[in-house]
């Protein structure tokens, strides 16, 4: 459940296994959320201006957004079409983890949001788990609760966002950034715009927020180390299969790197730091219902993954 960008959870407990109860720093959580709201709204402002003009994403509007932000320009509120849906999706993901932690009486922090001046305006969010997990059922429930909650919340934004989008022939061919199309997004596009290729659909900022939510879901569900997908595999199949799945997933990311070079960075990061998982001393298997939900997680990964998330035009 640890996360290197976007949303997830991070195990942070002592080797002795004692829970570490840190004081609640409400001001820090609120401050990070507000700063992330500003950076995502700035990015959303550029998206909304580009969409209104029927043009691909314009970096110039993005640069202007921060100048307007410093001057308190109310026109920046147009960026809420992107930032509010995106933050709602990320909050849902984190609260899914948090609620599961409360159910299993696991000490966990509130979400920490990660603002960024780079693409999308955020690196996501994470929660800290301060106590050890003793049961595979708890590991599974906490690991999968976030992706399911985020996925369910992004669905209406995805459908509404695509419905608000419009056809602009060849719009992707002229932009500085070309965003990949996950399978689920493409299915919704075909339902609303039958026969129209993805590169001819100008995506509404709300649809872009759903796109970012799908990317977060896919990254979290990779069956590697302490990502959410890694926790799910460990809970379902145990340590040996988790190690094998992590190795195969890192190898798959290396192959994908030939199509999209940032996957090489991600593969290296996971190879060096992310393949291992803390032991959970519980040999009890999971119920059939949880195994079915585990299969659902694999389906969500396939629907959310884009081989080339972003490329330059």
Protein backbone atom coordinates (compact mmCIF):
# COMPACT_ATOMS: atom_id res chain seq x y z
CA UNK A 1 0.00 0.00 0.00
CA UNK A 2 2.97 2.31 -0.12
CA UNK A 3 2.75 4.72 -2.97
CA UNK A 4 5.31 6.60 -4.99
CA UNK A 5 2.97 9.15 -6.45
CA UNK A 6 -0.82 9.17 -6.66
CA UNK A 7 -2.74 7.53 -3.90
CA UNK A 8 -2.13 4.69 -1.50
CA UNK A 9 -1.01 3.80 1.99
CA UNK A 10 2.37 3.60 3.58
CA UNK A 11 3.29 1.16 6.33
CA UNK A 12 5.12 2.96 9.11
CA UNK A 13 5.43 0.87 12.25
CA UNK A 14 8.24 -0.27 14.49
CA UNK A 15 10.14 -3.52 14.04
CA UNK A 16 8.89 -4.56 17.46
CA UNK A 17 5.38 -4.29 16.09
CA UNK A 18 4.14 -1.69 18.56
CA UNK A 19 1.76 0.90 17.23
CA UNK A 20 3.18 4.40 17.01
CA UNK A 21 0.48 6.91 17.79
CA UNK A 22 1.56 10.29 16.53
CA UNK A 23 -0.46 13.42 17.35
CA UNK A 24 -3.01 14.43 14.72
CA UNK A 25 -1.55 17.29 12.71
CA UNK A 26 -4.80 18.60 11.28
CA UNK A 27 -3.16 21.79 10.06
CA UNK A 28 -0.69 19.84 7.88
CA UNK A 29 -3.37 17.70 6.24
CA UNK A 30 -5.51 20.78 5.55
CA UNK A 31 -2.56 22.82 4.27
CA UNK A 32 -1.42 20.10 1.85
CA UNK A 33 -5.01 19.65 0.62
CA UNK A 34 -5.40 23.39 0.00
CA UNK A 35 -2.07 23.69 -1.82
CA UNK A 36 -2.98 20.67 -3.94
CA UNK A 37 -6.32 22.31 -4.71
CA UNK A 38 -4.43 25.38 -5.98
CA UNK A 39 -1.97 23.44 -8.16
CA UNK A 40 -4.62 21.17 -9.66
CA UNK A 41 -6.90 24.16 -10.27
CA UNK A 42 -4.06 25.91 -12.11
CA UNK A 43 -3.66 22.88 -14.36
CA UNK A 44 -7.43 22.63 -14.72
CA UNK A 45 -7.58 26.28 -15.79
CA UNK A 46 -5.30 25.51 -18.74
CA UNK A 47 -7.43 22.47 -19.60
CA UNK A 48 -10.66 24.47 -19.48
CA UNK A 49 -9.29 27.34 -21.60
CA UNK A 50 -7.91 24.91 -24.18
CA UNK A 51 -11.18 22.97 -24.29
CA UNK A 52 -13.29 26.13 -24.65
CA UNK A 53 -11.13 27.19 -27.62
CA UNK A 54 -11.41 23.75 -29.24
CA UNK A 55 -7.63 23.39 -29.08
CA UNK A 56 -5.28 20.76 -27.59
CA UNK A 57 -3.76 21.41 -24.19
CA UNK A 58 -1.97 24.78 -24.29
CA UNK A 59 1.07 25.07 -22.03
CA UNK A 60 0.82 28.86 -22.30
CA UNK A 61 -2.45 28.88 -20.37
CA UNK A 62 -0.83 26.71 -17.73
CA UNK A 63 1.97 29.24 -17.27
CA UNK A 64 -0.55 32.08 -17.11
CA UNK A 65 -2.53 30.25 -14.45
CA UNK A 66 0.15 30.74 -11.79
CA UNK A 67 0.45 34.44 -12.61
CA UNK A 68 -3.33 34.76 -12.30
CA UNK A 69 -3.15 32.77 -9.06
CA UNK A 70 -0.74 35.29 -7.54
CA UNK A 71 -3.11 38.11 -8.50
CA UNK A 72 -6.19 36.32 -7.17
CA UNK A 73 -7.92 36.23 -10.55
CA UNK A 74 -11.41 34.71 -10.08
CA UNK A 75 -11.23 33.38 -13.65
CA UNK A 76 -9.13 30.56 -12.22
CA UNK A 77 -12.36 29.06 -10.87
CA UNK A 78 -12.78 27.51 -14.32
CA UNK A 79 -10.10 25.06 -13.21
CA UNK A 80 -12.48 23.62 -10.62
CA UNK A 81 -13.98 21.56 -13.46
CA UNK A 82 -10.81 19.47 -13.21
CA UNK A 83 -9.51 19.92 -9.67
CA UNK A 84 -12.69 19.20 -7.71
CA UNK A 85 -13.52 15.90 -9.48
CA UNK A 86 -9.88 14.79 -9.25
CA UNK A 87 -9.57 15.58 -5.54
CA UNK A 88 -12.92 13.89 -4.91
CA UNK A 89 -11.58 10.72 -6.56
CA UNK A 90 -8.32 10.83 -4.60
CA UNK A 91 -10.13 11.53 -1.32
CA UNK A 92 -12.49 8.61 -1.98
CA UNK A 93 -9.50 6.33 -2.58
CA UNK A 94 -7.81 7.39 0.66
CA UNK A 95 -10.97 7.27 2.74
CA UNK A 96 -11.55 3.76 1.43
CA UNK A 97 -8.22 2.73 2.95
CA UNK A 98 -8.89 4.76 6.10
CA UNK A 99 -12.36 3.29 6.66
CA UNK A 100 -11.01 -0.26 6.27
CA UNK A 101 -8.29 0.57 8.79
CA UNK A 102 -10.91 1.78 11.26
CA UNK A 103 -12.99 -1.38 10.75
CA UNK A 104 -9.94 -3.55 11.48
CA UNK A 105 -8.83 -1.24 14.33
CA UNK A 106 -5.56 -0.44 12.59
CA UNK A 107 -3.99 2.88 13.51
CA UNK A 108 -3.76 5.05 10.40
CA UNK A 109 -3.28 8.72 9.60
CA UNK A 110 -5.56 10.98 7.65
CA UNK A 111 -4.55 11.48 3.98
CA UNK A 112 -1.45 13.47 3.08
CA UNK A 113 -1.85 15.17 -0.31
CA UNK A 114 1.13 15.84 -2.56
CA UNK A 115 0.89 19.07 -4.58
CA UNK A 116 3.01 19.44 -7.69
CA UNK A 117 3.66 22.23 -10.21
CA UNK A 118 4.15 19.49 -12.82
CA UNK A 119 1.60 17.75 -15.05
CA UNK A 120 -1.84 17.23 -13.42
CA UNK A 121 -0.89 19.43 -10.45
CA UNK A 122 -0.45 16.58 -7.97
CA UNK A 123 1.59 13.50 -7.20
CA UNK A 124 -1.44 12.07 -5.41
CA UNK A 125 -1.93 11.23 -1.76
CA UNK A 126 -1.20 8.58 0.84
CA UNK A 127 -2.03 7.57 4.39
CA UNK A 128 0.37 6.23 7.00
CA UNK A 129 -0.39 2.92 8.71
CA UNK A 130 1.22 3.11 12.13
CA UNK A 131 0.50 -0.39 13.43
CA UNK A 132 1.33 -3.86 12.11
CA UNK A 133 -1.15 -6.01 10.21
CA UNK A 134 -1.54 -9.47 11.72
CA UNK A 135 -4.22 -11.00 9.49
CA UNK A 136 -4.32 -11.52 5.74
CA UNK A 137 -8.00 -10.60 5.74
CA UNK A 138 -7.14 -7.17 7.12
CA UNK A 139 -4.31 -6.75 4.62
CA UNK A 140 -6.64 -7.62 1.75
CA UNK A 141 -9.52 -5.44 2.89
CA UNK A 142 -7.34 -2.39 3.53
CA UNK A 143 -5.42 -2.87 0.29
CA UNK A 144 -8.43 -3.20 -1.98
CA UNK A 145 -10.78 -0.72 -0.29
CA UNK A 146 -8.96 2.30 -1.73
CA UNK A 147 -8.93 1.27 -5.42
CA UNK A 148 -12.58 0.16 -5.28
CA UNK A 149 -13.74 3.40 -3.62
CA UNK A 150 -11.78 5.56 -6.05
CA UNK A 151 -12.94 3.55 -9.06
CA UNK A 152 -16.62 3.73 -8.08
CA UNK A 153 -16.42 7.50 -7.54
CA UNK A 154 -14.60 8.17 -10.83
CA UNK A 155 -17.20 6.32 -12.95
CA UNK A 156 -19.87 9.08 -12.94
CA UNK A 157 -17.19 11.71 -13.59
CA UNK A 158 -15.93 9.62 -16.50
CA UNK A 159 -19.36 9.24 -18.11
CA UNK A 160 -20.36 12.86 -17.50
CA UNK A 161 -16.97 14.14 -18.64
CA UNK A 162 -17.08 12.19 -21.90
CA UNK A 163 -20.67 13.34 -22.47
CA UNK A 164 -19.49 16.96 -22.08
CA UNK A 165 -16.58 16.38 -24.48
CA UNK A 166 -16.87 17.12 -28.19
CA UNK A 167 -15.51 15.96 -31.52
CA UNK A 168 -12.64 18.02 -32.95
CA UNK A 169 -11.07 16.08 -35.85
CA UNK A 170 -7.37 15.40 -35.34
CA UNK A 171 -7.08 17.52 -32.18
CA UNK A 172 -4.39 15.29 -30.63
CA UNK A 173 -2.11 15.65 -33.64
CA UNK A 174 -1.36 19.30 -32.80
CA UNK A 175 -0.86 19.26 -29.03
CA UNK A 176 2.38 19.33 -26.99
CA UNK A 177 1.06 16.42 -24.89
CA UNK A 178 -0.94 13.44 -26.12
CA UNK A 179 -2.76 11.55 -23.40
CA UNK A 180 -3.25 7.81 -23.76
CA UNK A 181 -6.71 6.29 -23.65
CA UNK A 182 -7.36 3.56 -21.05
CA UNK A 183 -9.68 0.75 -22.15
CA UNK A 184 -12.58 1.86 -19.95
CA UNK A 185 -12.39 5.43 -21.23
CA UNK A 186 -12.34 4.18 -24.82
CA UNK A 187 -15.43 2.03 -24.22
CA UNK A 188 -17.31 5.03 -22.85
CA UNK A 189 -16.12 7.16 -25.78
CA UNK A 190 -17.41 4.59 -28.28
CA UNK A 191 -20.76 4.46 -26.49
CA UNK A 192 -21.19 8.23 -26.65
CA UNK A 193 -19.32 8.97 -29.90
CA UNK A 194 -19.72 5.81 -32.03
CA UNK A 195 -17.03 5.40 -34.64
CA UNK A 196 -15.06 8.52 -33.63
CA UNK A 197 -11.34 7.82 -33.04
CA UNK A 198 -9.87 8.81 -29.69
CA UNK A 199 -7.51 11.35 -31.26
CA UNK A 200 -10.51 13.33 -32.55
CA UNK A 201 -12.24 13.76 -29.19
CA UNK A 202 -11.52 16.95 -27.23
CA UNK A 203 -11.82 15.81 -23.62
CA UNK A 204 -13.67 17.99 -21.14
CA UNK A 205 -11.64 18.84 -17.98
CA UNK A 206 -13.93 16.55 -15.97
CA UNK A 207 -13.06 13.67 -18.30
CA UNK A 208 -9.38 14.48 -17.76
CA UNK A 209 -9.94 14.24 -14.00
CA UNK A 210 -11.41 10.77 -14.51
CA UNK A 211 -8.42 9.95 -16.75
CA UNK A 212 -6.08 10.89 -13.89
CA UNK A 213 -8.16 8.76 -11.54
CA UNK A 214 -7.82 5.78 -13.87
CA UNK A 215 -4.05 6.31 -14.00
CA UNK A 216 -3.92 6.36 -10.19
CA UNK A 217 -5.97 3.17 -10.05
CA UNK A 218 -3.70 1.38 -12.52
CA UNK A 219 -0.49 2.39 -10.72
CA UNK A 220 -1.88 1.36 -7.35
CA UNK A 221 -3.08 -2.02 -8.58
CA UNK A 222 0.25 -3.09 -10.06
CA UNK A 223 1.05 -6.37 -8.21
CA UNK A 224 4.37 -5.14 -6.88
CA UNK A 225 5.79 -4.85 -3.38
CA UNK A 226 3.72 -2.69 -1.09
CA UNK A 227 1.53 -1.09 -3.72
CA UNK A 228 -2.15 -1.89 -3.21
CA UNK A 229 -1.94 -4.60 -5.86
CA UNK A 230 1.04 -6.11 -4.07
CA UNK A 231 -0.89 -6.29 -0.82
CA UNK A 232 -3.82 -7.94 -2.58
CA UNK A 233 -1.58 -10.60 -4.15
CA UNK A 234 0.20 -11.22 -0.83
CA UNK A 235 -3.11 -11.62 1.01
CA UNK A 236 -4.52 -13.96 -1.63
CA UNK A 237 -1.52 -16.17 -2.39
CA UNK A 238 1.16 -15.64 0.24
CA UNK A 239 4.75 -14.49 0.26
CA UNK A 240 6.18 -16.81 -2.43
CA UNK A 241 3.60 -15.91 -5.07
CA UNK A 242 3.87 -12.24 -4.10
CA UNK A 243 7.61 -12.32 -4.76
CA UNK A 244 7.06 -14.03 -8.12
CA UNK A 245 4.29 -11.60 -9.13
CA UNK A 246 6.44 -8.61 -8.18
CA UNK A 247 9.35 -9.89 -10.26
CA UNK A 248 7.13 -10.57 -13.29
CA UNK A 249 5.43 -7.19 -12.99
CA UNK A 250 8.78 -5.37 -12.84
CA UNK A 251 9.88 -7.32 -15.93
CA UNK A 252 6.64 -6.32 -17.69
CA UNK A 253 7.29 -2.66 -16.84
CA UNK A 254 10.77 -2.99 -18.34
CA UNK A 255 9.24 -4.27 -21.60
CA UNK A 256 6.65 -1.47 -21.57
CA UNK A 257 9.54 0.96 -21.25
CA UNK A 258 10.34 0.38 -24.93
CA UNK A 259 7.01 2.05 -25.70
CA UNK A 260 7.05 4.64 -22.89
CA UNK A 261 10.43 5.32 -21.28
CA UNK A 262 9.12 6.46 -17.82
CA UNK A 263 8.14 2.84 -17.22
CA UNK A 264 11.89 2.09 -17.02
CA UNK A 265 12.22 4.56 -14.15
CA UNK A 266 9.23 3.00 -12.42
CA UNK A 267 10.62 -0.51 -12.99
CA UNK A 268 14.01 0.47 -11.54
CA UNK A 269 12.38 2.11 -8.53
CA UNK A 270 10.25 -0.94 -7.85
CA UNK A 271 13.19 -3.31 -8.40
CA UNK A 272 15.38 -1.49 -5.90
CA UNK A 273 12.85 -0.56 -3.24
CA UNK A 274 9.42 -1.95 -3.92
CA UNK A 275 9.51 -5.73 -4.36
CA UNK A 276 9.70 -6.73 -0.71
CA UNK A 277 6.73 -7.03 1.59
CA UNK A 278 6.60 -7.19 5.36
CA UNK A 279 5.70 -10.63 6.60
CA UNK A 280 2.16 -11.27 7.77
CA UNK A 281 2.24 -14.27 10.09
CA UNK A 282 -1.14 -15.66 9.15
CA UNK A 283 -1.58 -18.80 7.07
CA UNK A 284 -5.38 -18.67 6.92
CA UNK A 285 -6.80 -18.51 3.41
CA UNK A 286 -9.31 -15.96 2.21
CA UNK A 287 -12.99 -16.57 1.56
CA UNK A 288 -14.42 -17.15 -1.91
CA UNK A 289 -16.04 -13.70 -1.77
CA UNK A 290 -12.68 -12.03 -1.22
CA UNK A 291 -11.14 -14.06 -4.04
CA UNK A 292 -13.91 -12.88 -6.36
CA UNK A 293 -13.20 -9.30 -5.33
CA UNK A 294 -9.51 -9.99 -6.00
CA UNK A 295 -10.44 -10.96 -9.57
CA UNK A 296 -12.38 -7.69 -9.78
CA UNK A 297 -9.17 -5.85 -8.90
CA UNK A 298 -7.44 -7.50 -11.86
CA UNK A 299 -10.29 -6.37 -14.14
CA UNK A 300 -9.99 -2.81 -12.81
CA UNK A 301 -6.26 -2.87 -13.57
CA UNK A 302 -6.87 -3.93 -17.18
CA UNK A 303 -9.62 -1.33 -17.65
CA UNK A 304 -7.52 1.48 -16.14
CA UNK A 305 -4.07 0.83 -17.62
CA UNK A 306 -2.70 2.82 -20.52
CA UNK A 307 0.51 1.52 -22.09
CA UNK A 308 1.57 5.08 -23.02
CA UNK A 309 -0.11 7.44 -20.53
CA UNK A 310 1.43 10.65 -21.89
CA UNK A 311 3.66 11.40 -24.85
CA UNK A 312 4.84 14.58 -26.45
CA UNK A 313 3.28 15.62 -29.74
